């Protein structure tokens, strides 16, 4: 049975932290605030996959109260989400995701993001779609207070 899931994540900017999107560190004046590396793209993807698998959300599996995972790479989170699928006999089919940010420019990093996500998820890069858009200067995203991401995943479940 083919099932789909949707994920959304948002993090505010925090000075002094690296900006990590799709597992790629990108030069920017600030990174994102969070318990992990705050990779909004990876988090939205994780939630989409977990939803498609009929699992609870990323916060259940990787709670921000768990000090043993403070600073964890979101690529490690995605690898663990992939393990959950494997243990259930499910297979990830594809991912489509959108980053919403006024800055930085995402286009130059898309291939590197796909490669990192592909490796973590054991999914061919051709099955990963990543797009970027702005919020047209509106709201907290338009004021460059943070970055958001949305993702959809398809999973073949037994």
Protein backbone atom coordinates (compact mmCIF):
# COMPACT_ATOMS: atom_id res chain seq x y z
CA UNK A 1 0.00 0.00 0.00
CA UNK A 2 1.38 3.41 -0.97
CA UNK A 3 0.94 6.00 1.80
CA UNK A 4 1.84 9.67 1.86
CA UNK A 5 2.82 11.94 4.72
CA UNK A 6 3.37 15.66 5.14
CA UNK A 7 5.90 17.45 7.31
CA UNK A 8 6.45 21.06 8.35
CA UNK A 9 9.14 22.66 10.46
CA UNK A 10 10.26 26.18 11.31
CA UNK A 11 13.18 27.52 13.33
CA UNK A 12 14.19 31.05 14.22
CA UNK A 13 17.63 32.41 13.45
CA UNK A 14 20.21 32.36 16.25
CA UNK A 15 23.55 34.20 16.03
CA UNK A 16 26.68 32.15 16.55
CA UNK A 17 25.26 28.90 15.18
CA UNK A 18 26.04 27.34 11.81
CA UNK A 19 23.24 27.27 9.25
CA UNK A 20 22.58 23.68 8.19
CA UNK A 21 20.00 22.90 5.51
CA UNK A 22 19.62 19.45 4.00
CA UNK A 23 22.78 18.41 5.83
CA UNK A 24 24.83 21.13 4.14
CA UNK A 25 26.46 23.96 6.09
CA UNK A 26 25.72 27.23 4.31
CA UNK A 27 27.48 30.52 4.91
CA UNK A 28 25.04 32.98 6.52
CA UNK A 29 25.03 35.61 9.27
CA UNK A 30 23.22 33.23 11.64
CA UNK A 31 22.21 29.63 12.00
CA UNK A 32 18.94 28.22 13.29
CA UNK A 33 18.05 27.68 16.93
CA UNK A 34 17.21 24.19 18.11
CA UNK A 35 18.05 21.17 20.25
CA UNK A 36 19.70 19.47 17.27
CA UNK A 37 21.48 21.20 14.40
CA UNK A 38 18.02 22.72 13.65
CA UNK A 39 18.00 21.59 10.01
CA UNK A 40 14.41 22.56 9.11
CA UNK A 41 14.56 20.74 5.78
CA UNK A 42 15.64 17.43 7.32
CA UNK A 43 13.07 17.82 10.11
CA UNK A 44 10.19 18.41 7.71
CA UNK A 45 11.31 15.39 5.68
CA UNK A 46 11.55 13.24 8.81
CA UNK A 47 8.00 14.18 9.83
CA UNK A 48 6.69 13.49 6.33
CA UNK A 49 8.29 10.02 6.31
CA UNK A 50 7.11 9.23 9.83
CA UNK A 51 3.58 10.31 8.91
CA UNK A 52 3.55 8.16 5.78
CA UNK A 53 4.70 5.22 7.90
CA UNK A 54 1.87 5.79 10.40
CA UNK A 55 4.35 6.76 13.12
CA UNK A 56 4.25 9.58 15.65
CA UNK A 57 6.14 12.80 14.89
CA UNK A 58 9.81 13.68 15.14
CA UNK A 59 9.32 15.20 18.60
CA UNK A 60 8.14 11.85 19.93
CA UNK A 61 11.06 9.91 18.49
CA UNK A 62 13.69 12.62 19.16
CA UNK A 63 12.41 14.75 22.06
CA UNK A 64 14.13 18.05 22.85
CA UNK A 65 14.21 16.93 26.49
CA UNK A 66 16.66 14.14 25.67
CA UNK A 67 20.10 15.55 26.49
CA UNK A 68 21.80 12.53 24.90
CA UNK A 69 20.82 13.85 21.46
CA UNK A 70 21.57 17.55 22.03
CA UNK A 71 23.35 18.83 18.93
CA UNK A 72 22.57 15.68 16.93
CA UNK A 73 22.98 15.94 13.17
CA UNK A 74 19.61 15.88 11.47
CA UNK A 75 21.14 13.51 8.93
CA UNK A 76 21.50 11.06 11.83
CA UNK A 77 17.83 11.63 12.61
CA UNK A 78 16.95 10.81 8.99
CA UNK A 79 19.09 7.66 9.10
CA UNK A 80 17.23 6.55 12.21
CA UNK A 81 13.89 7.31 10.55
CA UNK A 82 15.01 5.15 7.62
CA UNK A 83 15.78 2.36 10.12
CA UNK A 84 12.23 2.63 11.47
CA UNK A 85 10.93 2.07 7.93
CA UNK A 86 13.24 -0.87 7.36
CA UNK A 87 12.20 -2.48 10.64
CA UNK A 88 8.55 -2.22 9.57
CA UNK A 89 9.25 -3.67 6.13
CA UNK A 90 8.35 -0.36 4.49
CA UNK A 91 10.20 1.38 1.66
CA UNK A 92 10.63 5.09 1.00
CA UNK A 93 9.56 5.91 -2.56
CA UNK A 94 10.17 9.65 -2.89
CA UNK A 95 10.34 13.02 -1.18
CA UNK A 96 9.33 16.47 -2.35
CA UNK A 97 10.24 19.45 -0.17
CA UNK A 98 10.16 23.24 -0.21
CA UNK A 99 12.30 25.65 1.83
CA UNK A 100 10.78 29.05 2.60
CA UNK A 101 13.37 31.76 3.26
CA UNK A 102 14.23 35.25 2.09
CA UNK A 103 17.93 34.42 2.41
CA UNK A 104 20.31 32.78 1.83
CA UNK A 105 20.04 31.68 -1.78
CA UNK A 106 19.38 27.93 -1.84
CA UNK A 107 19.91 27.13 -5.54
CA UNK A 108 23.71 26.80 -5.39
CA UNK A 109 23.38 24.14 -2.64
CA UNK A 110 20.61 21.92 -4.03
CA UNK A 111 22.85 19.20 -5.50
CA UNK A 112 24.87 18.92 -2.29
CA UNK A 113 21.65 18.75 -0.23
CA UNK A 114 20.26 16.00 -2.44
CA UNK A 115 23.49 14.03 -2.10
CA UNK A 116 23.50 14.29 1.72
CA UNK A 117 19.81 13.43 2.02
CA UNK A 118 20.19 10.56 -0.45
CA UNK A 119 22.98 9.04 1.60
CA UNK A 120 21.14 9.36 4.92
CA UNK A 121 17.90 7.93 3.53
CA UNK A 122 19.39 5.34 1.15
CA UNK A 123 17.26 6.87 -1.59
CA UNK A 124 18.36 7.68 -5.13
CA UNK A 125 18.83 11.47 -5.52
CA UNK A 126 16.47 11.41 -8.51
CA UNK A 127 13.68 10.59 -6.05
CA UNK A 128 14.33 13.71 -3.96
CA UNK A 129 12.85 17.04 -5.00
CA UNK A 130 13.92 20.23 -3.24
CA UNK A 131 12.63 23.67 -4.12
CA UNK A 132 13.00 27.06 -2.50
CA UNK A 133 10.80 30.11 -2.38
CA UNK A 134 10.51 33.34 -0.45
CA UNK A 135 7.60 34.62 1.62
CA UNK A 136 7.53 37.81 -0.49
CA UNK A 137 8.71 39.88 2.47
CA UNK A 138 5.62 39.06 4.54
CA UNK A 139 5.45 37.78 8.12
CA UNK A 140 8.25 36.46 10.29
CA UNK A 141 9.79 34.59 7.34
CA UNK A 142 9.66 37.73 5.21
CA UNK A 143 11.36 39.70 7.98
CA UNK A 144 14.17 37.12 7.90
CA UNK A 145 13.53 35.93 11.45
CA UNK A 146 13.82 32.27 10.48
CA UNK A 147 13.36 29.56 7.88
CA UNK A 148 10.52 27.10 7.31
CA UNK A 149 10.25 23.91 5.30
CA UNK A 150 7.45 21.68 4.05
CA UNK A 151 7.82 18.13 2.77
CA UNK A 152 5.77 15.29 1.37
CA UNK A 153 6.93 11.68 1.39
CA UNK A 154 5.56 8.53 -0.20
CA UNK A 155 6.16 5.19 1.50
CA UNK A 156 5.28 1.68 0.35
CA UNK A 157 3.95 -0.08 3.44
CA UNK A 158 3.20 -3.79 3.79
